[in-house]
C-alpha atoms as a PDB file:
ATOM      1  CA  MET A   1     112.925 110.071  26.531  1.00  0.00           C
ATOM      2  CA  THR A   2     115.356 111.123  28.749  1.00  0.00           C
ATOM      3  CA  THR A   3     117.821 109.378  30.151  1.00  0.00           C
ATOM      4  CA  LYS A   4     118.017 110.965  33.200  1.00  0.00           C
ATOM      5  CA  GLU A   5     117.376 108.588  36.707  1.00  0.00           C
ATOM      6  CA  PRO A   6     113.390 108.869  37.159  1.00  0.00           C
ATOM      7  CA  TYR A   7     111.840 111.315  39.518  1.00  0.00           C
ATOM      8  CA  THR A   8     114.790 113.423  39.890  1.00  0.00           C
ATOM      9  CA  GLN A   9     113.434 116.091  36.986  1.00  0.00           C
ATOM     10  CA  GLU A  10     113.981 119.627  38.542  1.00  0.00           C
ATOM     11  CA  ILE A  11     110.995 121.581  39.959  1.00  0.00           C
ATOM     12  CA  SER A  12     110.396 125.318  38.461  1.00  0.00           C
ATOM     13  CA  ARG A  13     108.031 127.786  36.522  1.00  0.00           C
ATOM     14  CA  ALA A  14     109.004 126.028  33.492  1.00  0.00           C
ATOM     15  CA  THR A  15     108.550 122.628  34.522  1.00  0.00           C
ATOM     16  CA  PRO A  16     106.011 122.788  37.595  1.00  0.00           C
ATOM     17  CA  ALA A  17     105.081 120.085  39.960  1.00  0.00           C
ATOM     18  CA  CYS A  18     101.268 118.418  40.005  1.00  0.00           C
ATOM     19  CA  PHE A  19      99.870 117.403  43.175  1.00  0.00           C
ATOM     20  CA  LEU A  20      96.235 115.673  43.092  1.00  0.00           C
ATOM     21  CA  PHE A  21      94.219 115.387  46.661  1.00  0.00           C
ATOM     22  CA  LEU A  22      91.842 113.212  46.474  1.00  0.00           C
ATOM     23  CA  ILE A  23      89.995 113.233  49.995  1.00  0.00           C
ATOM     24  CA  ASP A  24      87.457 111.118  51.363  1.00  0.00           C
ATOM     25  CA  GLN A  25      83.964 112.951  52.327  1.00  0.00           C
ATOM     26  CA  SER A  26      81.895 110.258  53.775  1.00  0.00           C
ATOM     27  CA  LEU A  27      79.910 109.970  56.740  1.00  0.00           C
ATOM     28  CA  SER A  28      82.350 108.100  58.852  1.00  0.00           C
ATOM     29  CA  MET A  29      84.612 111.131  58.463  1.00  0.00           C
ATOM     30  CA  GLU A  30      82.531 112.581  61.181  1.00  0.00           C
ATOM     31  CA  GLU A  31      84.775 110.007  63.793  1.00  0.00           C
ATOM     32  CA  ARG A  32      87.325 110.816  65.528  1.00  0.00           C
ATOM     33  CA  ILE A  33      90.825 110.060  64.483  1.00  0.00           C
ATOM     34  CA  ALA A  34      91.935 107.605  67.463  1.00  0.00           C
ATOM     35  CA  GLY A  35      88.555 108.129  69.486  1.00  0.00           C
ATOM     36  CA  ASP A  36      89.994 111.623  70.146  1.00  0.00           C
ATOM     37  CA  GLY A  37      89.941 115.153  69.077  1.00  0.00           C
ATOM     38  CA  PRO A  38      88.622 116.802  66.695  1.00  0.00           C
ATOM     39  CA  PRO A  39      86.616 114.688  63.768  1.00  0.00           C
ATOM     40  CA  LYS A  40      88.885 113.128  61.075  1.00  0.00           C
ATOM     41  CA  CYS A  41      87.276 115.577  58.392  1.00  0.00           C
ATOM     42  CA  GLU A  42      88.148 118.866  60.550  1.00  0.00           C
ATOM     43  CA  GLN A  43      91.899 117.051  61.316  1.00  0.00           C
ATOM     44  CA  LEU A  44      92.160 116.306  57.452  1.00  0.00           C
ATOM     45  CA  ALA A  45      90.684 120.128  56.681  1.00  0.00           C
ATOM     46  CA  SER A  46      93.182 121.468  58.822  1.00  0.00           C
ATOM     47  CA  ALA A  47      96.196 119.709  57.942  1.00  0.00           C
ATOM     48  CA  ILE A  48      95.879 120.384  53.999  1.00  0.00           C
ATOM     49  CA  ASN A  49      95.181 123.778  54.719  1.00  0.00           C
ATOM     50  CA  TYR A  50      98.520 124.150  56.494  1.00  0.00           C
ATOM     51  CA  TRP A  51     100.081 122.293  53.930  1.00  0.00           C
ATOM     52  CA  ILE A  52      99.226 124.597  51.203  1.00  0.00           C
ATOM     53  CA  ASN A  53     100.279 127.413  53.518  1.00  0.00           C
ATOM     54  CA  ALA A  54     103.718 125.822  53.505  1.00  0.00           C
ATOM     55  CA  MET A  55     103.868 125.653  49.912  1.00  0.00           C
ATOM     56  CA  ILE A  56     103.124 129.292  49.507  1.00  0.00           C
ATOM     57  CA  ILE A  57     105.731 129.930  51.938  1.00  0.00           C
ATOM     58  CA  LYS A  58     108.557 127.798  50.041  1.00  0.00           C
ATOM     59  CA  ALA A  59     107.477 129.533  46.738  1.00  0.00           C
ATOM     60  CA  THR A  60     107.381 133.030  48.102  1.00  0.00           C
ATOM     61  CA  GLY A  61     110.777 135.057  47.317  1.00  0.00           C
ATOM     62  CA  ASP A  62     111.771 138.260  47.110  1.00  0.00           C
ATOM     63  CA  ALA A  63     110.641 138.793  43.523  1.00  0.00           C
ATOM     64  CA  GLY A  64     106.991 137.318  44.797  1.00  0.00           C
ATOM     65  CA  ILE A  65     105.713 133.976  44.683  1.00  0.00           C
ATOM     66  CA  LYS A  66     107.304 131.520  41.646  1.00  0.00           C
ATOM     67  CA  ASP A  67     104.159 129.009  40.054  1.00  0.00           C
ATOM     68  CA  TRP A  68     106.406 125.984  40.603  1.00  0.00           C
ATOM     69  CA  MET A  69     103.124 124.132  41.300  1.00  0.00           C
ATOM     70  CA  GLU A  70      99.640 122.956  40.555  1.00  0.00           C
ATOM     71  CA  ILE A  71      97.363 121.716  42.701  1.00  0.00           C
ATOM     72  CA  ALA A  72      93.450 120.360  42.744  1.00  0.00           C
ATOM     73  CA  VAL A  73      91.903 119.138  45.921  1.00  0.00           C
ATOM     74  CA  ILE A  74      88.842 116.845  45.187  1.00  0.00           C
ATOM     75  CA  GLY A  75      86.198 115.490  47.850  1.00  0.00           C
ATOM     76  CA  TYR A  76      84.105 112.351  47.097  1.00  0.00           C
ATOM     77  CA  THR A  77      81.041 111.402  48.764  1.00  0.00           C
ATOM     78  CA  THR A  78      77.151 110.646  47.758  1.00  0.00           C
ATOM     79  CA  ASP A  79      74.385 111.698  47.406  1.00  0.00           C
ATOM     80  CA  ASP A  80      70.889 110.482  49.711  1.00  0.00           C
ATOM     81  CA  ASP A  81      70.291 108.063  46.808  1.00  0.00           C
ATOM     82  CA  GLY A  82      74.131 107.145  46.570  1.00  0.00           C
ATOM     83  CA  ASN A  83      75.043 108.751  43.335  1.00  0.00           C
ATOM     84  CA  PRO A  84      78.617 110.249  43.626  1.00  0.00           C
ATOM     85  CA  ILE A  85      79.379 113.831  43.937  1.00  0.00           C
ATOM     86  CA  ILE A  86      82.945 114.258  42.811  1.00  0.00           C
ATOM     87  CA  GLY A  87      84.272 117.605  42.747  1.00  0.00           C
ATOM     88  CA  THR A  88      86.603 120.405  44.482  1.00  0.00           C
ATOM     89  CA  ALA A  89      87.082 120.554  47.999  1.00  0.00           C
ATOM     90  CA  LEU A  90      88.031 124.104  47.564  1.00  0.00           C
ATOM     91  CA  GLY A  91      85.861 127.089  49.088  1.00  0.00           C
ATOM     92  CA  GLY A  92      85.650 131.013  47.543  1.00  0.00           C
ATOM     93  CA  GLU A  93      86.827 132.266  44.620  1.00  0.00           C
ATOM     94  CA  LEU A  94      89.066 128.852  43.647  1.00  0.00           C
ATOM     95  CA  ALA A  95      85.640 126.888  43.193  1.00  0.00           C
ATOM     96  CA  GLY A  96      84.458 128.501  40.193  1.00  0.00           C
ATOM     97  CA  PRO A  97      84.985 127.292  36.538  1.00  0.00           C
ATOM     98  CA  SER A  98      88.919 127.213  37.212  1.00  0.00           C
ATOM     99  CA  SER A  99      88.453 124.267  39.540  1.00  0.00           C
ATOM    100  CA  GLU A 100      87.988 122.014  36.776  1.00  0.00           C
ATOM    101  CA  GLY A 101      91.725 121.470  36.229  1.00  0.00           C
ATOM    102  CA  PHE A 102      94.795 122.210  38.780  1.00  0.00           C
ATOM    103  CA  ILE A 103      95.433 125.538  40.014  1.00  0.00           C
ATOM    104  CA  LYS A 104      98.749 127.476  40.177  1.00  0.00           C
ATOM    105  CA  ILE A 105      99.944 128.090  43.862  1.00  0.00           C
ATOM    106  CA  GLY A 106      99.761 131.674  43.121  1.00  0.00           C
ATOM    107  CA  GLU A 107      96.131 131.486  42.867  1.00  0.00           C
ATOM    108  CA  PHE A 108      95.811 129.911  46.174  1.00  0.00           C
ATOM    109  CA  GLN A 109      98.063 133.021  47.971  1.00  0.00           C
ATOM    110  CA  LYS A 110      95.578 135.318  45.937  1.00  0.00           C
ATOM    111  CA  HIS A 111      92.446 133.875  46.707  1.00  0.00           C
ATOM    112  CA  PRO A 112      92.137 132.454  50.465  1.00  0.00           C
ATOM    113  CA  LEU A 113      88.418 131.300  51.562  1.00  0.00           C
ATOM    114  CA  ARG A 114      89.340 132.963  54.882  1.00  0.00           C
ATOM    115  CA  VAL A 115      91.698 134.330  58.103  1.00  0.00           C
ATOM    116  CA  SER A 116      90.542 132.829  61.338  1.00  0.00           C
ATOM    117  CA  GLN A 117      92.463 132.171  64.563  1.00  0.00           C
ATOM    118  CA  LYS A 118      92.826 128.695  65.509  1.00  0.00           C
ATOM    119  CA  ILE A 119      94.864 126.622  67.705  1.00  0.00           C
ATOM    120  CA  GLN A 120      97.356 125.332  65.211  1.00  0.00           C
ATOM    121  CA  GLN A 121      98.978 122.015  65.433  1.00  0.00           C
ATOM    122  CA  VAL A 122     102.902 122.443  64.117  1.00  0.00           C
ATOM    123  CA  VAL A 123     105.121 119.607  63.219  1.00  0.00           C
ATOM    124  CA  ASP A 124     108.563 120.867  65.169  1.00  0.00           C
ATOM    125  CA  ALA A 125     111.397 120.494  62.733  1.00  0.00           C
ATOM    126  CA  GLU A 126     113.344 119.155  64.596  1.00  0.00           C
ATOM    127  CA  THR A 127     111.515 116.471  66.846  1.00  0.00           C
ATOM    128  CA  SER A 128     108.937 115.866  64.928  1.00  0.00           C
ATOM    129  CA  GLU A 129     106.302 116.141  67.899  1.00  0.00           C
ATOM    130  CA  ILE A 130     103.606 118.079  67.537  1.00  0.00           C
ATOM    131  CA  MET A 131     103.220 121.627  68.786  1.00  0.00           C
ATOM    132  CA  GLU A 132      99.665 123.340  69.671  1.00  0.00           C
ATOM    133  CA  LEU A 133      99.873 127.223  69.132  1.00  0.00           C
ATOM    134  CA  PRO A 134      97.490 130.053  68.474  1.00  0.00           C
ATOM    135  CA  VAL A 135      97.997 131.236  65.189  1.00  0.00           C
ATOM    136  CA  ASP A 136      95.985 133.271  62.200  1.00  0.00           C
ATOM    137  CA  VAL A 137      95.201 130.530  59.799  1.00  0.00           C
ATOM    138  CA  THR A 138      94.265 130.822  56.283  1.00  0.00           C
ATOM    139  CA  GLU A 139      91.465 128.125  54.853  1.00  0.00           C
ATOM    140  CA  TRP A 140      91.172 127.117  51.514  1.00  0.00           C
ATOM    141  CA  ILE A 141      88.740 124.208  52.255  1.00  0.00           C
ATOM    142  CA  ASP A 142      85.969 123.579  55.036  1.00  0.00           C
ATOM    143  CA  PRO A 143      85.794 119.941  56.807  1.00  0.00           C
ATOM    144  CA  VAL A 144      82.948 118.008  55.343  1.00  0.00           C
ATOM    145  CA  ALA A 145      81.343 114.737  56.037  1.00  0.00           C
ATOM    146  CA  ALA A 146      78.120 113.197  54.344  1.00  0.00           C
ATOM    147  CA  LYS A 147      77.202 110.169  53.020  1.00  0.00           C
ATOM    148  CA  GLY A 148      78.852 107.429  50.732  1.00  0.00           C
ATOM    149  CA  THR A 149      82.238 106.639  49.854  1.00  0.00           C
ATOM    150  CA  PRO A 150      82.106 106.397  46.145  1.00  0.00           C
ATOM    151  CA  MET A 151      86.067 106.012  45.486  1.00  0.00           C
ATOM    152  CA  CYS A 152      86.158 104.152  42.220  1.00  0.00           C
ATOM    153  CA  HIS A 153      84.123 106.861  40.928  1.00  0.00           C
ATOM    154  CA  ALA A 154      87.204 109.582  42.134  1.00  0.00           C
ATOM    155  CA  LEU A 155      90.002 107.418  40.726  1.00  0.00           C
ATOM    156  CA  LEU A 156      87.922 107.636  37.371  1.00  0.00           C
ATOM    157  CA  THR A 157      88.037 111.757  37.914  1.00  0.00           C
ATOM    158  CA  ALA A 158      91.692 111.512  38.980  1.00  0.00           C
ATOM    159  CA  HIS A 159      92.615 109.841  36.030  1.00  0.00           C
ATOM    160  CA  ALA A 160      90.806 112.035  33.352  1.00  0.00           C
ATOM    161  CA  MET A 161      92.368 115.112  35.229  1.00  0.00           C
ATOM    162  CA  LEU A 162      95.773 113.919  35.449  1.00  0.00           C
ATOM    163  CA  ASP A 163      95.735 112.804  31.477  1.00  0.00           C
ATOM    164  CA  ARG A 164      94.827 116.278  30.356  1.00  0.00           C
ATOM    165  CA  TRP A 165      97.715 117.841  32.532  1.00  0.00           C
ATOM    166  CA  ILE A 166     100.236 115.643  31.277  1.00  0.00           C
ATOM    167  CA  THR A 167      99.148 115.266  27.577  1.00  0.00           C
ATOM    168  CA  THR A 168      96.676 118.494  26.707  1.00  0.00           C
ATOM    169  CA  GLY A 169      98.836 121.087  29.406  1.00  0.00           C
ATOM    170  CA  ASN A 170     102.328 119.822  28.066  1.00  0.00           C
ATOM    171  CA  HIS A 171     103.732 118.719  30.670  1.00  0.00           C
ATOM    172  CA  MET A 172     105.586 115.223  29.679  1.00  0.00           C
ATOM    173  CA  ASP A 173     108.665 116.851  30.766  1.00  0.00           C
ATOM    174  CA  CYS A 174     107.659 117.630  34.411  1.00  0.00           C
ATOM    175  CA  PHE A 175     108.431 115.771  37.138  1.00  0.00           C
ATOM    176  CA  PRO A 176     105.457 112.884  36.920  1.00  0.00           C
ATOM    177  CA  PRO A 177     102.531 114.343  39.166  1.00  0.00           C
ATOM    178  CA  ILE A 178     101.447 112.621  42.713  1.00  0.00           C
ATOM    179  CA  VAL A 179      98.026 111.678  43.967  1.00  0.00           C
ATOM    180  CA  ILE A 180      97.619 112.099  47.683  1.00  0.00           C
ATOM    181  CA  HIS A 181      94.391 110.190  48.911  1.00  0.00           C
ATOM    182  CA  ILE A 182      93.633 110.509  51.934  1.00  0.00           C
ATOM    183  CA  THR A 183      90.191 108.072  53.289  1.00  0.00           C
ATOM    184  CA  ASP A 184      88.835 105.901  56.232  1.00  0.00           C
ATOM    185  CA  GLY A 185      86.697 103.635  54.703  1.00  0.00           C
ATOM    186  CA  GLU A 186      85.957 100.982  51.864  1.00  0.00           C
ATOM    187  CA  THR A 187      84.245 101.963  48.506  1.00  0.00           C
ATOM    188  CA  SER A 188      80.421 102.233  48.298  1.00  0.00           C
ATOM    189  CA  ASP A 189      80.634 102.294  44.364  1.00  0.00           C
ATOM    190  CA  GLY A 190      81.101  98.882  43.646  1.00  0.00           C
ATOM    191  CA  GLY A 191      84.124  97.838  41.070  1.00  0.00           C
ATOM    192  CA  VAL A 192      88.018  97.372  42.209  1.00  0.00           C
ATOM    193  CA  PRO A 193      89.851 100.375  43.592  1.00  0.00           C
ATOM    194  CA  GLU A 194      93.146  98.735  42.893  1.00  0.00           C
ATOM    195  CA  ASP A 195      92.127  98.480  38.880  1.00  0.00           C
ATOM    196  CA  TYR A 196      91.328 101.930  39.060  1.00  0.00           C
ATOM    197  CA  ALA A 197      94.472 103.006  40.603  1.00  0.00           C
ATOM    198  CA  GLU A 198      96.490 101.029  38.283  1.00  0.00           C
ATOM    199  CA  SER A 199      95.291 102.852  35.439  1.00  0.00           C
ATOM    200  CA  VAL A 200      95.816 106.039  37.064  1.00  0.00           C
ATOM    201  CA  ARG A 201      99.435 104.947  37.899  1.00  0.00           C
ATOM    202  CA  SER A 202      99.805 103.976  34.345  1.00  0.00           C
ATOM    203  CA  LEU A 203     100.044 107.698  33.125  1.00  0.00           C
ATOM    204  CA  ALA A 204     103.149 108.983  33.350  1.00  0.00           C
ATOM    205  CA  THR A 205     105.697 112.207  31.774  1.00  0.00           C
ATOM    206  CA  ASP A 206     109.144 111.856  30.231  1.00  0.00           C
ATOM    207  CA  HIS A 207     110.387 111.292  34.080  1.00  0.00           C
ATOM    208  CA  GLY A 208     108.335 108.266  35.346  1.00  0.00           C
ATOM    209  CA  ASN A 209     104.866 107.357  36.279  1.00  0.00           C
ATOM    210  CA  VAL A 210     102.314 109.048  38.185  1.00  0.00           C
ATOM    211  CA  LEU A 211     102.883 108.628  41.507  1.00  0.00           C
ATOM    212  CA  MET A 212      99.929 107.602  44.084  1.00  0.00           C
ATOM    213  CA  PHE A 213     100.233 107.484  47.969  1.00  0.00           C
ATOM    214  CA  ASN A 214      97.352 106.587  50.144  1.00  0.00           C
ATOM    215  CA  CYS A 215      96.524 107.243  54.011  1.00  0.00           C
ATOM    216  CA  SER A 216      93.998 105.649  55.991  1.00  0.00           C
ATOM    217  CA  LEU A 217      92.857 107.158  58.850  1.00  0.00           C
ATOM    218  CA  SER A 218      91.642 105.356  62.258  1.00  0.00           C
ATOM    219  CA  ALA A 219      88.487 105.918  64.035  1.00  0.00           C
ATOM    220  CA  GLN A 220      90.725 103.290  66.910  1.00  0.00           C
ATOM    221  CA  ALA A 221      93.576 103.869  68.759  1.00  0.00           C
ATOM    222  CA  ALA A 222      95.464 101.096  67.073  1.00  0.00           C
ATOM    223  CA  ASP A 223      99.365 100.967  65.822  1.00  0.00           C
ATOM    224  CA  LYS A 224      99.917 102.797  62.555  1.00  0.00           C
ATOM    225  CA  ILE A 225     102.002 101.590  59.850  1.00  0.00           C
ATOM    226  CA  MET A 226     104.180 103.907  57.608  1.00  0.00           C
ATOM    227  CA  PHE A 227     105.557 102.999  54.357  1.00  0.00           C
ATOM    228  CA  PRO A 228     105.428  99.839  54.370  1.00  0.00           C
ATOM    229  CA  GLY A 229     106.964  96.829  51.824  1.00  0.00           C
ATOM    230  CA  ASN A 230     105.453  93.876  52.464  1.00  0.00           C
ATOM    231  CA  VAL A 231     101.544  93.366  51.786  1.00  0.00           C
ATOM    232  CA  GLU A 232     101.517  90.710  54.501  1.00  0.00           C
ATOM    233  CA  MET A 233     102.093  93.099  57.095  1.00  0.00           C
ATOM    234  CA  MET A 234      98.727  94.231  56.263  1.00  0.00           C
ATOM    235  CA  PRO A 235      96.201  93.274  59.300  1.00  0.00           C
ATOM    236  CA  ASP A 236      92.956  93.245  56.965  1.00  0.00           C
ATOM    237  CA  ASN A 237      91.891  93.315  53.351  1.00  0.00           C
ATOM    238  CA  PHE A 238      91.180  96.726  53.121  1.00  0.00           C
ATOM    239  CA  ALA A 239      94.971  97.545  54.486  1.00  0.00           C
ATOM    240  CA  LYS A 240      95.700  95.060  51.238  1.00  0.00           C
ATOM    241  CA  SER A 241      94.091  96.970  48.907  1.00  0.00           C
ATOM    242  CA  LEU A 242      95.393 100.041  49.667  1.00  0.00           C
ATOM    243  CA  PHE A 243      98.916  98.860  50.013  1.00  0.00           C
ATOM    244  CA  ARG A 244      98.131  97.418  46.690  1.00  0.00           C
ATOM    245  CA  MET A 245      96.955 100.841  45.372  1.00  0.00           C
ATOM    246  CA  SER A 246     100.228 102.505  46.826  1.00  0.00           C
ATOM    247  CA  SER A 247     103.580 103.724  44.588  1.00  0.00           C
ATOM    248  CA  VAL A 248     106.699 101.960  45.545  1.00  0.00           C
ATOM    249  CA  LEU A 249     108.482 104.986  46.438  1.00  0.00           C
ATOM    250  CA  PRO A 250     110.901 105.879  43.931  1.00  0.00           C
ATOM    251  CA  ALA A 251     114.839 105.951  44.377  1.00  0.00           C
ATOM    252  CA  PRO A 252     115.076 109.477  45.029  1.00  0.00           C
ATOM    253  CA  MET A 253     112.300 109.409  48.066  1.00  0.00           C
ATOM    254  CA  VAL A 254     113.572 106.632  49.540  1.00  0.00           C
ATOM    255  CA  ARG A 255     117.433 108.549  49.994  1.00  0.00           C
ATOM    256  CA  LEU A 256     115.356 111.786  51.154  1.00  0.00           C
ATOM    257  CA  ALA A 257     113.039 109.492  53.858  1.00  0.00           C
ATOM    258  CA  THR A 258     116.295 107.799  54.982  1.00  0.00           C
ATOM    259  CA  THR A 259     118.136 111.315  55.816  1.00  0.00           C
ATOM    260  CA  GLU A 260     114.893 111.945  57.684  1.00  0.00           C
ATOM    261  CA  GLY A 261     115.132 109.044  60.360  1.00  0.00           C
ATOM    262  CA  PHE A 262     112.966 106.693  58.252  1.00  0.00           C
ATOM    263  CA  LYS A 263     113.734 103.045  58.873  1.00  0.00           C
ATOM    264  CA  LEU A 264     112.169 101.657  55.283  1.00  0.00           C
ATOM    265  CA  GLU A 265     112.118  97.862  54.286  1.00  0.00           C
ATOM    266  CA  PRO A 266     112.737  97.044  50.642  1.00  0.00           C
ATOM    267  CA  ASN A 267     110.167  98.009  48.302  1.00  0.00           C
ATOM    268  CA  ALA A 268     108.584 100.624  50.962  1.00  0.00           C
ATOM    269  CA  ARG A 269     105.092 102.224  49.724  1.00  0.00           C
ATOM    270  CA  GLY A 270     104.019 105.421  49.930  1.00  0.00           C
ATOM    271  CA  PHE A 271     101.077 104.458  52.269  1.00  0.00           C
ATOM    272  CA  VAL A 272     100.288 104.767  56.126  1.00  0.00           C
ATOM    273  CA  PHE A 273      97.755 102.539  57.687  1.00  0.00           C
ATOM    274  CA  ASN A 274      95.911 103.576  60.786  1.00  0.00           C
ATOM    275  CA  ALA A 275      97.290 107.474  60.829  1.00  0.00           C
ATOM    276  CA  ASP A 276      97.001 109.298  63.312  1.00  0.00           C
ATOM    277  CA  THR A 277      97.278 113.255  63.522  1.00  0.00           C
ATOM    278  CA  VAL A 278     101.079 113.217  63.682  1.00  0.00           C
ATOM    279  CA  SER A 279     101.442 110.481  61.209  1.00  0.00           C
ATOM    280  CA  LEU A 280      99.128 112.264  58.719  1.00  0.00           C
ATOM    281  CA  LEU A 281     101.340 115.515  58.640  1.00  0.00           C
ATOM    282  CA  GLN A 282     104.166 113.392  58.452  1.00  0.00           C
ATOM    283  CA  PHE A 283     102.792 111.729  55.423  1.00  0.00           C
ATOM    284  CA  LEU A 284     101.737 115.310  53.783  1.00  0.00           C
ATOM    285  CA  ASP A 285     105.093 116.004  54.167  1.00  0.00           C
ATOM    286  CA  MET A 286     106.978 113.074  52.993  1.00  0.00           C
ATOM    287  CA  GLY A 287     104.476 112.331  50.081  1.00  0.00           C
ATOM    288  CA  THR A 288     104.943 116.025  48.447  1.00  0.00           C
ATOM    289  CA  ARG A 289     109.174 116.360  48.672  1.00  0.00           C
ATOM    290  CA  VAL A 290     109.657 116.259  45.338  1.00  0.00           C
ATOM    291  CA  SER A 291     112.440 118.512  45.272  1.00  0.00           C
ATOM    292  CA  LYS A 292     114.633 120.895  47.678  1.00  0.00           C
ATOM    293  CA  ASN A 293     116.424 122.792  44.531  1.00  0.00           C
ATOM    294  CA  LEU A 294     113.278 125.059  43.068  1.00  0.00           C
ATOM    295  CA  ARG A 295     114.061 127.644  40.772  1.00  0.00           C
END
């Protein structure tokens, strides 16, 4: 076992980062964030497409793209009979057999679903404000809003995928995988999501346990709560459940968040409740900033 501080392992092609997105594709994702703008499913797809593109840019240098990270984007909903439908949210060539596992960042560069011109919401690096610009947008996933919310089955799938990546994939010396779970409602498949989330977080590499971050999207113009440290701050049982499902931010991430102006409570967790468009983009950025020094 390493003697290094947990969650400080260098990210490289030899020791890649691993990101698993779990995205709610239930019918309520047709609603609008804070009651305004495009449906939640569209804003979520735009945010993830933007994030993937940003990671490609970050990984690209004079010698080409460095495969320093592997990504899976898993959507979950149900059929008309309530049976879980869980699988890749990626489209095009990346929706083939390789989608059953994690895909290297270089493959995303090679196989986008499409490139189209849209009004893109971009976070200003200096002010953190949202700007709207007409840009060519590369897309890998489409918005989906269908039936139910089989959250427990989705977490069970996440556990199996991450266990394979760590053990069968021989990634014990890597920075621990990060799960980004984005939802807007409670599970519809019975069971206790907290138990499944605990099982996911129990997986570990030699550099720490799997990190699980949760984000709830609000259909109402309600106050957002970012990276809380106390479950008593949560307004209802759904929020409390997602809080308990979320990992405590490790010290390196706390230091990074502090330098970027976040005022965090002790034991702050990777959780945002009632997220709007701005906080969704901030959440994706902060939740996936695992290393500034890539090689």
